[in-house]
Amino acid sequence: MPKKVDPEERRRLIADALIRVAARHGLEAISLRHVAADAGISPGMVQHYFRTKDEMMTFALAVVRERSQTRVTEAVARLGDNPSPRGLLRTMIAALLPLDDQTRDEGRVALGFLAYTAVRPATSPLREETGQMLDFMAGLMPSPKPDEAAAGLLALMEGLGVYLLGGQYGAEQALRALDVYLDLIFGSSS
């Protein structure tokens, strides 16, 4: 009797391979052949689950976003029932920053995908998600200009992510910079 294969599990196996290939060699190295080799399956099997490179990349980004959301949810849950707005924002952003090997790999894919979608806007779900994130952040800001403070915080988060991925900042330096900005918005945490 043939082995029953879970299609979602196989798609995730392929997405994980794509993430590894992209983390090691960049998105330009992504091909059905490279991803298949990393996943230990045939190129035909990859094509069975993903008709195009765009489909495969979009799914891999969805996996990265899902993992990021899980990290944020778990980190926020550890704060308890009534976290302060500052604590909530710091925890969320720290969970999103590429501070370890796994999140750096995922961050490289996300950053590469952002560049990829700059010339293929139809493949990107990020515009709506960015608006939702800004609205959420603005709702927590004590600033007289909450939209601008939220935009600055989002820009800081993205910039810190790029510097962490490029090796210009270490984790401690990035978290200190985040704390300084949050102190400017919410007052000193010390």
N, C-alpha and C. Protein backbone atom coordinates (compact mmCIF):
# COMPACT_ATOMS: atom_id res chain seq x y z
N MET A 1 0.84 -1.18 0.00
CA MET A 1 0.00 0.00 0.00
C MET A 1 0.89 1.24 0.00
N PRO A 2 0.64 2.20 -0.91
CA PRO A 2 1.49 3.40 -0.97
C PRO A 2 1.35 4.25 0.29
N LYS A 3 2.45 4.90 0.63
CA LYS A 3 2.48 5.78 1.79
C LYS A 3 1.60 7.00 1.51
N LYS A 4 0.77 7.36 2.49
CA LYS A 4 -0.10 8.53 2.37
C LYS A 4 0.71 9.77 2.75
N VAL A 5 0.72 10.76 1.88
CA VAL A 5 1.50 11.98 2.09
C VAL A 5 0.55 13.13 2.39
N ASP A 6 0.86 13.87 3.45
CA ASP A 6 0.08 15.05 3.80
C ASP A 6 0.56 16.21 2.90
N PRO A 7 -0.31 16.72 2.00
CA PRO A 7 0.13 17.78 1.08
C PRO A 7 0.62 19.04 1.80
N GLU A 8 -0.04 19.41 2.89
CA GLU A 8 0.38 20.62 3.63
C GLU A 8 1.77 20.40 4.25
N GLU A 9 2.00 19.22 4.77
CA GLU A 9 3.31 18.90 5.35
C GLU A 9 4.39 18.94 4.26
N ARG A 10 4.08 18.43 3.09
CA ARG A 10 5.05 18.44 1.98
C ARG A 10 5.32 19.87 1.54
N ARG A 11 4.28 20.71 1.47
CA ARG A 11 4.46 22.11 1.09
C ARG A 11 5.36 22.83 2.10
N ARG A 12 5.18 22.52 3.39
CA ARG A 12 6.01 23.14 4.43
C ARG A 12 7.46 22.64 4.33
N LEU A 13 7.66 21.37 4.01
CA LEU A 13 9.00 20.83 3.80
C LEU A 13 9.69 21.62 2.68
N ILE A 14 8.97 21.88 1.62
CA ILE A 14 9.52 22.64 0.50
C ILE A 14 9.80 24.09 0.92
N ALA A 15 8.88 24.68 1.68
CA ALA A 15 9.09 26.06 2.15
C ALA A 15 10.32 26.14 3.05
N ASP A 16 10.49 25.17 3.94
CA ASP A 16 11.68 25.15 4.80
C ASP A 16 12.95 25.05 3.97
N ALA A 17 12.92 24.24 2.92
CA ALA A 17 14.08 24.14 2.04
C ALA A 17 14.35 25.47 1.35
N LEU A 18 13.30 26.13 0.87
CA LEU A 18 13.45 27.44 0.25
C LEU A 18 14.08 28.43 1.23
N ILE A 19 13.62 28.42 2.47
CA ILE A 19 14.17 29.33 3.49
C ILE A 19 15.66 29.05 3.68
N ARG A 20 16.03 27.78 3.77
CA ARG A 20 17.46 27.45 3.95
C ARG A 20 18.30 27.89 2.75
N VAL A 21 17.81 27.62 1.54
CA VAL A 21 18.55 28.02 0.33
C VAL A 21 18.69 29.54 0.29
N ALA A 22 17.60 30.24 0.55
CA ALA A 22 17.63 31.71 0.51
C ALA A 22 18.55 32.27 1.59
N ALA A 23 18.54 31.66 2.78
CA ALA A 23 19.39 32.15 3.87
C ALA A 23 20.87 31.96 3.54
N ARG A 24 21.19 30.87 2.86
CA ARG A 24 22.60 30.60 2.52
C ARG A 24 23.08 31.36 1.29
N HIS A 25 22.19 31.47 0.28
CA HIS A 25 22.65 31.97 -1.02
C HIS A 25 21.86 33.16 -1.57
N GLY A 26 20.81 33.58 -0.90
CA GLY A 26 19.99 34.69 -1.39
C GLY A 26 18.86 34.20 -2.28
N LEU A 27 17.88 35.06 -2.46
CA LEU A 27 16.71 34.68 -3.25
C LEU A 27 17.05 34.41 -4.71
N GLU A 28 18.11 35.04 -5.20
CA GLU A 28 18.47 34.82 -6.61
C GLU A 28 18.90 33.37 -6.86
N ALA A 29 19.27 32.65 -5.80
CA ALA A 29 19.67 31.25 -5.94
C ALA A 29 18.48 30.29 -5.92
N ILE A 30 17.31 30.82 -5.67
CA ILE A 30 16.13 29.96 -5.56
C ILE A 30 15.74 29.47 -6.94
N SER A 31 15.69 28.18 -7.05
CA SER A 31 15.18 27.53 -8.26
C SER A 31 14.50 26.25 -7.80
N LEU A 32 13.66 25.71 -8.65
CA LEU A 32 13.01 24.45 -8.30
C LEU A 32 14.07 23.38 -8.01
N ARG A 33 15.12 23.35 -8.81
CA ARG A 33 16.17 22.35 -8.65
C ARG A 33 16.89 22.49 -7.31
N HIS A 34 17.30 23.74 -6.95
CA HIS A 34 18.01 23.95 -5.68
C HIS A 34 17.13 23.63 -4.48
N VAL A 35 15.88 24.06 -4.54
CA VAL A 35 14.96 23.80 -3.43
C VAL A 35 14.70 22.30 -3.30
N ALA A 36 14.49 21.64 -4.43
CA ALA A 36 14.26 20.19 -4.42
C ALA A 36 15.45 19.46 -3.82
N ALA A 37 16.67 19.84 -4.22
CA ALA A 37 17.87 19.19 -3.70
C ALA A 37 17.97 19.37 -2.19
N ASP A 38 17.70 20.57 -1.71
CA ASP A 38 17.77 20.82 -0.28
C ASP A 38 16.71 20.04 0.48
N ALA A 39 15.53 19.91 -0.11
CA ALA A 39 14.43 19.18 0.53
C ALA A 39 14.58 17.67 0.41
N GLY A 40 15.48 17.21 -0.45
CA GLY A 40 15.66 15.79 -0.65
C GLY A 40 14.55 15.14 -1.46
N ILE A 41 13.98 15.93 -2.38
CA ILE A 41 12.91 15.43 -3.24
C ILE A 41 13.23 15.80 -4.69
N SER A 42 12.44 15.31 -5.61
CA SER A 42 12.70 15.60 -7.02
C SER A 42 12.14 16.96 -7.42
N PRO A 43 12.72 17.60 -8.44
CA PRO A 43 12.15 18.85 -8.95
C PRO A 43 10.69 18.67 -9.38
N GLY A 44 10.36 17.50 -9.92
CA GLY A 44 8.98 17.24 -10.32
C GLY A 44 8.03 17.27 -9.14
N MET A 45 8.50 16.82 -7.98
CA MET A 45 7.67 16.85 -6.77
C MET A 45 7.42 18.29 -6.35
N VAL A 46 8.45 19.14 -6.45
CA VAL A 46 8.26 20.56 -6.13
C VAL A 46 7.21 21.16 -7.07
N GLN A 47 7.32 20.85 -8.35
CA GLN A 47 6.35 21.37 -9.33
C GLN A 47 4.95 20.82 -9.10
N HIS A 48 4.84 19.66 -8.52
CA HIS A 48 3.53 19.10 -8.20
C HIS A 48 2.81 19.98 -7.18
N TYR A 49 3.57 20.54 -6.23
CA TYR A 49 2.97 21.35 -5.17
C TYR A 49 2.96 22.84 -5.48
N PHE A 50 3.87 23.29 -6.32
CA PHE A 50 3.96 24.72 -6.67
C PHE A 50 4.18 24.83 -8.17
N ARG A 51 3.22 25.42 -8.86
CA ARG A 51 3.32 25.54 -10.31
C ARG A 51 4.38 26.54 -10.74
N THR A 52 4.58 27.59 -9.93
CA THR A 52 5.52 28.64 -10.31
C THR A 52 6.43 28.99 -9.13
N LYS A 53 7.50 29.67 -9.45
CA LYS A 53 8.41 30.17 -8.41
C LYS A 53 7.67 31.17 -7.52
N ASP A 54 6.84 32.04 -8.12
CA ASP A 54 6.08 33.00 -7.32
C ASP A 54 5.19 32.30 -6.30
N GLU A 55 4.53 31.23 -6.71
CA GLU A 55 3.68 30.47 -5.79
C GLU A 55 4.49 29.91 -4.63
N MET A 56 5.64 29.35 -4.95
CA MET A 56 6.51 28.77 -3.93
C MET A 56 7.01 29.85 -2.98
N MET A 57 7.41 31.00 -3.51
CA MET A 57 7.93 32.09 -2.69
C MET A 57 6.82 32.67 -1.82
N THR A 58 5.64 32.83 -2.37
CA THR A 58 4.53 33.37 -1.60
C THR A 58 4.18 32.44 -0.44
N PHE A 59 4.18 31.15 -0.69
CA PHE A 59 3.89 30.20 0.39
C PHE A 59 4.98 30.25 1.45
N ALA A 60 6.25 30.31 1.04
CA ALA A 60 7.34 30.37 2.02
C ALA A 60 7.23 31.62 2.87
N LEU A 61 6.86 32.75 2.28
CA LEU A 61 6.67 33.96 3.07
C LEU A 61 5.51 33.78 4.04
N ALA A 62 4.45 33.11 3.63
CA ALA A 62 3.32 32.85 4.53
C ALA A 62 3.78 32.01 5.72
N VAL A 63 4.66 31.04 5.49
CA VAL A 63 5.20 30.23 6.58
C VAL A 63 6.02 31.11 7.52
N VAL A 64 6.84 31.98 6.98
CA VAL A 64 7.65 32.89 7.80
C VAL A 64 6.73 33.80 8.62
N ARG A 65 5.70 34.35 7.98
CA ARG A 65 4.76 35.23 8.70
C ARG A 65 4.02 34.47 9.79
N GLU A 66 3.62 33.24 9.52
CA GLU A 66 2.92 32.42 10.52
C GLU A 66 3.83 32.15 11.72
N ARG A 67 5.08 31.83 11.46
CA ARG A 67 6.02 31.58 12.56
C ARG A 67 6.26 32.85 13.37
N SER A 68 6.35 33.98 12.68
CA SER A 68 6.53 35.25 13.38
C SER A 68 5.32 35.54 14.27
N GLN A 69 4.14 35.32 13.73
CA GLN A 69 2.92 35.55 14.50
C GLN A 69 2.87 34.65 15.73
N THR A 70 3.28 33.41 15.57
CA THR A 70 3.31 32.47 16.70
C THR A 70 4.27 32.97 17.77
N ARG A 71 5.47 33.42 17.35
CA ARG A 71 6.44 33.96 18.31
C ARG A 71 5.87 35.14 19.06
N VAL A 72 5.20 36.06 18.33
CA VAL A 72 4.63 37.24 18.96
C VAL A 72 3.53 36.83 19.95
N THR A 73 2.65 35.96 19.53
CA THR A 73 1.54 35.52 20.38
C THR A 73 2.06 34.88 21.66
N GLU A 74 3.05 34.01 21.53
CA GLU A 74 3.61 33.35 22.71
C GLU A 74 4.31 34.34 23.63
N ALA A 75 5.06 35.28 23.06
CA ALA A 75 5.77 36.28 23.87
C ALA A 75 4.79 37.19 24.59
N VAL A 76 3.75 37.61 23.92
CA VAL A 76 2.74 38.49 24.53
C VAL A 76 1.99 37.74 25.63
N ALA A 77 1.69 36.47 25.42
CA ALA A 77 0.98 35.68 26.43
C ALA A 77 1.78 35.61 27.73
N ARG A 78 3.10 35.58 27.61
CA ARG A 78 3.95 35.54 28.81
C ARG A 78 3.89 36.84 29.61
N LEU A 79 3.38 37.91 29.01
CA LEU A 79 3.27 39.19 29.73
C LEU A 79 2.12 39.21 30.73
N GLY A 80 1.19 38.31 30.58
CA GLY A 80 0.04 38.31 31.49
C GLY A 80 -1.13 39.05 30.88
N ASP A 81 -2.12 39.32 31.73
CA ASP A 81 -3.39 39.87 31.26
C ASP A 81 -3.39 41.35 30.89
N ASN A 82 -2.66 42.17 31.60
CA ASN A 82 -2.72 43.61 31.37
C ASN A 82 -1.34 44.23 31.18
N PRO A 83 -0.66 43.90 30.10
CA PRO A 83 0.67 44.50 29.91
C PRO A 83 0.55 45.99 29.61
N SER A 84 1.60 46.70 29.97
CA SER A 84 1.62 48.13 29.63
C SER A 84 1.77 48.27 28.12
N PRO A 85 1.30 49.37 27.54
CA PRO A 85 1.49 49.57 26.11
C PRO A 85 2.96 49.50 25.69
N ARG A 86 3.84 50.10 26.50
CA ARG A 86 5.27 50.07 26.19
C ARG A 86 5.79 48.63 26.21
N GLY A 87 5.44 47.90 27.26
CA GLY A 87 5.88 46.51 27.38
C GLY A 87 5.35 45.64 26.25
N LEU A 88 4.10 45.89 25.88
CA LEU A 88 3.51 45.13 24.79
C LEU A 88 4.24 45.39 23.47
N LEU A 89 4.49 46.66 23.17
CA LEU A 89 5.20 46.99 21.93
C LEU A 89 6.62 46.44 21.93
N ARG A 90 7.32 46.57 23.05
CA ARG A 90 8.70 46.06 23.10
C ARG A 90 8.73 44.55 22.90
N THR A 91 7.82 43.88 23.56
CA THR A 91 7.77 42.41 23.45
C THR A 91 7.45 41.98 22.03
N MET A 92 6.48 42.63 21.42
CA MET A 92 6.11 42.29 20.04
C MET A 92 7.28 42.51 19.08
N ILE A 93 7.90 43.67 19.19
CA ILE A 93 8.99 44.00 18.27
C ILE A 93 10.19 43.08 18.49
N ALA A 94 10.53 42.82 19.76
CA ALA A 94 11.64 41.92 20.04
C ALA A 94 11.37 40.53 19.45
N ALA A 95 10.11 40.10 19.48
CA ALA A 95 9.77 38.78 18.92
C ALA A 95 9.86 38.78 17.40
N LEU A 96 9.73 39.93 16.78
CA LEU A 96 9.80 40.04 15.32
C LEU A 96 11.22 40.25 14.79
N LEU A 97 12.10 40.78 15.62
CA LEU A 97 13.46 41.06 15.17
C LEU A 97 14.25 39.77 14.98
N PRO A 98 15.16 39.75 14.00
CA PRO A 98 15.99 38.57 13.75
C PRO A 98 17.16 38.50 14.73
N LEU A 99 16.88 37.98 15.93
CA LEU A 99 17.86 37.99 17.01
C LEU A 99 18.60 36.66 17.18
N ASP A 100 18.18 35.61 16.47
CA ASP A 100 18.87 34.32 16.57
C ASP A 100 18.98 33.71 15.17
N ASP A 101 19.61 32.54 15.09
CA ASP A 101 19.86 31.93 13.78
C ASP A 101 18.58 31.67 12.99
N GLN A 102 17.57 31.09 13.64
CA GLN A 102 16.33 30.78 12.92
C GLN A 102 15.64 32.04 12.42
N THR A 103 15.53 33.04 13.28
CA THR A 103 14.83 34.26 12.86
C THR A 103 15.66 35.05 11.86
N ARG A 104 16.98 34.90 11.90
CA ARG A 104 17.81 35.55 10.86
C ARG A 104 17.55 34.91 9.51
N ASP A 105 17.48 33.57 9.47
CA ASP A 105 17.17 32.89 8.21
C ASP A 105 15.82 33.35 7.67
N GLU A 106 14.83 33.36 8.55
CA GLU A 106 13.50 33.80 8.13
C GLU A 106 13.51 35.27 7.74
N GLY A 107 14.26 36.09 8.47
CA GLY A 107 14.36 37.50 8.15
C GLY A 107 14.98 37.76 6.79
N ARG A 108 15.97 36.95 6.42
CA ARG A 108 16.58 37.09 5.10
C ARG A 108 15.57 36.79 4.00
N VAL A 109 14.74 35.79 4.23
CA VAL A 109 13.69 35.47 3.26
C VAL A 109 12.70 36.62 3.18
N ALA A 110 12.27 37.13 4.32
CA ALA A 110 11.29 38.22 4.33
C ALA A 110 11.87 39.46 3.64
N LEU A 111 13.12 39.79 3.94
CA LEU A 111 13.74 40.96 3.31
C LEU A 111 13.90 40.75 1.81
N GLY A 112 14.35 39.58 1.44
CA GLY A 112 14.48 39.27 0.02
C GLY A 112 13.14 39.29 -0.69
N PHE A 113 12.11 38.80 -0.01
CA PHE A 113 10.78 38.79 -0.60
C PHE A 113 10.27 40.22 -0.77
N LEU A 114 10.59 41.09 0.18
CA LEU A 114 10.19 42.49 0.06
C LEU A 114 10.81 43.11 -1.19
N ALA A 115 12.08 42.83 -1.43
CA ALA A 115 12.72 43.33 -2.65
C ALA A 115 12.11 42.68 -3.89
N TYR A 116 11.82 41.40 -3.80
CA TYR A 116 11.22 40.64 -4.90
C TYR A 116 9.86 41.23 -5.28
N THR A 117 9.07 41.58 -4.27
CA THR A 117 7.73 42.11 -4.54
C THR A 117 7.75 43.57 -4.99
N ALA A 118 8.89 44.23 -4.83
CA ALA A 118 8.97 45.61 -5.30
C ALA A 118 8.75 45.68 -6.80
N VAL A 119 9.12 44.61 -7.51
CA VAL A 119 8.91 44.57 -8.96
C VAL A 119 7.76 43.64 -9.34
N ARG A 120 7.15 43.00 -8.35
CA ARG A 120 5.99 42.13 -8.57
C ARG A 120 4.94 42.42 -7.49
N PRO A 121 4.37 43.62 -7.45
CA PRO A 121 3.46 43.99 -6.37
C PRO A 121 2.26 43.05 -6.21
N ALA A 122 1.85 42.39 -7.25
CA ALA A 122 0.69 41.49 -7.15
C ALA A 122 0.97 40.29 -6.25
N THR A 123 2.24 39.96 -6.02
CA THR A 123 2.57 38.81 -5.19
C THR A 123 2.65 39.17 -3.71
N SER A 124 2.46 40.43 -3.33
CA SER A 124 2.69 40.85 -1.96
C SER A 124 1.42 41.11 -1.16
N PRO A 125 1.31 40.44 0.00
CA PRO A 125 0.21 40.72 0.91
C PRO A 125 0.61 41.76 1.97
N LEU A 126 1.78 42.36 1.82
CA LEU A 126 2.35 43.16 2.91
C LEU A 126 1.72 44.53 3.11
N ARG A 127 1.15 45.12 2.09
CA ARG A 127 0.61 46.48 2.23
C ARG A 127 -0.50 46.53 3.28
N GLU A 128 -1.44 45.61 3.19
CA GLU A 128 -2.54 45.59 4.16
C GLU A 128 -2.03 45.29 5.57
N GLU A 129 -1.11 44.35 5.69
CA GLU A 129 -0.57 44.00 7.00
C GLU A 129 0.19 45.16 7.62
N THR A 130 0.90 45.93 6.82
CA THR A 130 1.62 47.09 7.33
C THR A 130 0.64 48.12 7.89
N GLY A 131 -0.45 48.35 7.17
CA GLY A 131 -1.47 49.28 7.65
C GLY A 131 -2.08 48.83 8.97
N GLN A 132 -2.33 47.53 9.10
CA GLN A 132 -2.88 47.00 10.35
C GLN A 132 -1.90 47.17 11.50
N MET A 133 -0.63 46.91 11.23
CA MET A 133 0.40 47.06 12.26
C MET A 133 0.51 48.52 12.70
N LEU A 134 0.50 49.44 11.75
CA LEU A 134 0.57 50.86 12.09
C LEU A 134 -0.63 51.29 12.92
N ASP A 135 -1.80 50.86 12.55
CA ASP A 135 -3.01 51.21 13.31
C ASP A 135 -2.93 50.68 14.74
N PHE A 136 -2.48 49.43 14.88
CA PHE A 136 -2.36 48.84 16.21
C PHE A 136 -1.36 49.62 17.06
N MET A 137 -0.19 49.90 16.49
CA MET A 137 0.84 50.64 17.22
C MET A 137 0.33 52.04 17.61
N ALA A 138 -0.30 52.71 16.68
CA ALA A 138 -0.80 54.07 16.94
C ALA A 138 -1.80 54.05 18.09
N GLY A 139 -2.59 53.00 18.18
CA GLY A 139 -3.57 52.90 19.26
C GLY A 139 -2.94 52.76 20.63
N LEU A 140 -1.67 52.44 20.70
CA LEU A 140 -0.97 52.28 21.98
C LEU A 140 -0.11 53.49 22.34
N MET A 141 0.01 54.43 21.42
CA MET A 141 0.91 55.56 21.61
C MET A 141 0.30 56.65 22.48
N PRO A 142 1.07 57.16 23.46
CA PRO A 142 0.60 58.28 24.28
C PRO A 142 0.90 59.63 23.62
N SER A 143 1.53 59.59 22.49
CA SER A 143 1.99 60.78 21.79
C SER A 143 0.81 61.61 21.27
N PRO A 144 0.96 62.94 21.17
CA PRO A 144 -0.08 63.76 20.54
C PRO A 144 -0.18 63.48 19.04
N LYS A 145 0.82 62.84 18.48
CA LYS A 145 0.81 62.45 17.07
C LYS A 145 1.05 60.94 16.99
N PRO A 146 0.06 60.14 17.35
CA PRO A 146 0.27 58.69 17.43
C PRO A 146 0.59 58.04 16.10
N ASP A 147 0.04 58.55 15.00
CA ASP A 147 0.33 57.95 13.70
C ASP A 147 1.80 58.12 13.32
N GLU A 148 2.33 59.32 13.59
CA GLU A 148 3.74 59.57 13.28
C GLU A 148 4.67 58.78 14.19
N ALA A 149 4.30 58.68 15.49
CA ALA A 149 5.12 57.90 16.43
C ALA A 149 5.13 56.43 16.02
N ALA A 150 3.97 55.91 15.59
CA ALA A 150 3.88 54.51 15.15
C ALA A 150 4.70 54.30 13.88
N ALA A 151 4.63 55.26 12.96
CA ALA A 151 5.42 55.14 11.72
C ALA A 151 6.91 55.13 12.04
N GLY A 152 7.33 55.96 12.98
CA GLY A 152 8.74 55.98 13.39
C GLY A 152 9.15 54.67 14.04
N LEU A 153 8.28 54.11 14.86
CA LEU A 153 8.59 52.84 15.52
C LEU A 153 8.69 51.70 14.50
N LEU A 154 7.77 51.69 13.55
CA LEU A 154 7.83 50.66 12.51
C LEU A 154 9.10 50.80 11.67
N ALA A 155 9.45 52.03 11.33
CA ALA A 155 10.67 52.27 10.55
C ALA A 155 11.91 51.84 11.36
N LEU A 156 11.91 52.14 12.66
CA LEU A 156 13.01 51.71 13.52
C LEU A 156 13.11 50.18 13.53
N MET A 157 11.97 49.51 13.68
CA MET A 157 11.96 48.05 13.70
C MET A 157 12.53 47.48 12.41
N GLU A 158 12.08 48.00 11.28
CA GLU A 158 12.57 47.52 9.99
C GLU A 158 14.06 47.80 9.83
N GLY A 159 14.48 48.99 10.22
CA GLY A 159 15.90 49.33 10.13
C GLY A 159 16.76 48.46 11.03
N LEU A 160 16.30 48.22 12.24
CA LEU A 160 17.04 47.33 13.13
C LEU A 160 17.14 45.93 12.54
N GLY A 161 16.05 45.48 11.93
CA GLY A 161 16.05 44.17 11.29
C GLY A 161 17.11 44.08 10.20
N VAL A 162 17.19 45.12 9.38
CA VAL A 162 18.19 45.14 8.30
C VAL A 162 19.60 45.15 8.88
N TYR A 163 19.83 45.96 9.92
CA TYR A 163 21.16 46.02 10.52
C TYR A 163 21.53 44.71 11.21
N LEU A 164 20.56 44.05 11.83
CA LEU A 164 20.83 42.74 12.43
C LEU A 164 21.18 41.71 11.35
N LEU A 165 20.42 41.73 10.26
CA LEU A 165 20.68 40.78 9.17
C LEU A 165 22.04 41.03 8.53
N GLY A 166 22.42 42.30 8.42
CA GLY A 166 23.70 42.65 7.79
C GLY A 166 24.89 42.53 8.72
N GLY A 167 24.62 42.28 10.00
CA GLY A 167 25.71 42.13 10.96
C GLY A 167 26.25 43.43 11.51
N GLN A 168 25.63 44.57 11.15
CA GLN A 168 26.10 45.84 11.69
C GLN A 168 25.74 45.99 13.17
N TYR A 169 24.64 45.37 13.59
CA TYR A 169 24.19 45.42 14.99
C TYR A 169 24.11 44.00 15.53
N GLY A 170 24.43 43.88 16.81
CA GLY A 170 24.17 42.64 17.53
C GLY A 170 22.82 42.77 18.23
N ALA A 171 22.36 41.68 18.81
CA ALA A 171 21.04 41.66 19.45
C ALA A 171 20.94 42.69 20.58
N GLU A 172 21.95 42.75 21.44
CA GLU A 172 21.89 43.69 22.57
C GLU A 172 21.85 45.13 22.09
N GLN A 173 22.63 45.46 21.10
CA GLN A 173 22.66 46.83 20.57
C GLN A 173 21.31 47.19 19.97
N ALA A 174 20.70 46.26 19.24
CA ALA A 174 19.39 46.53 18.63
C ALA A 174 18.32 46.73 19.70
N LEU A 175 18.34 45.91 20.73
CA LEU A 175 17.33 46.06 21.80
C LEU A 175 17.54 47.35 22.58
N ARG A 176 18.80 47.76 22.77
CA ARG A 176 19.05 49.05 23.43
C ARG A 176 18.49 50.20 22.60
N ALA A 177 18.69 50.15 21.28
CA ALA A 177 18.16 51.20 20.40
C ALA A 177 16.64 51.23 20.47
N LEU A 178 16.01 50.07 20.49
CA LEU A 178 14.56 50.00 20.63
C LEU A 178 14.12 50.63 21.94
N ASP A 179 14.81 50.30 23.02
CA ASP A 179 14.45 50.86 24.32
C ASP A 179 14.58 52.38 24.36
N VAL A 180 15.62 52.90 23.72
CA VAL A 180 15.81 54.36 23.68
C VAL A 180 14.62 55.01 22.98
N TYR A 181 14.19 54.45 21.85
CA TYR A 181 13.04 55.03 21.13
C TYR A 181 11.78 54.93 21.97
N LEU A 182 11.56 53.78 22.58
CA LEU A 182 10.37 53.63 23.42
C LEU A 182 10.40 54.58 24.60
N ASP A 183 11.60 54.83 25.17
CA ASP A 183 11.72 55.80 26.24
C ASP A 183 11.35 57.20 25.77
N LEU A 184 11.70 57.55 24.53
CA LEU A 184 11.33 58.86 24.00
C LEU A 184 9.81 58.99 23.90
N ILE A 185 9.14 57.91 23.55
CA ILE A 185 7.68 57.95 23.38
C ILE A 185 6.95 57.83 24.72
N PHE A 186 7.39 56.88 25.55
CA PHE A 186 6.66 56.56 26.78
C PHE A 186 7.29 57.12 28.05
N GLY A 187 8.47 57.69 27.95
CA GLY A 187 9.19 58.11 29.15
C GLY A 187 10.17 57.03 29.52
N SER A 188 11.15 57.38 30.33
CA SER A 188 12.22 56.46 30.69
C SER A 188 11.67 55.25 31.43
N SER A 189 12.22 54.07 31.09
CA SER A 189 11.80 52.83 31.72
C SER A 189 12.58 52.56 33.01
N SER A 190 13.59 53.38 33.30
CA SER A 190 14.39 53.10 34.49
C SER A 190 13.84 53.76 35.72
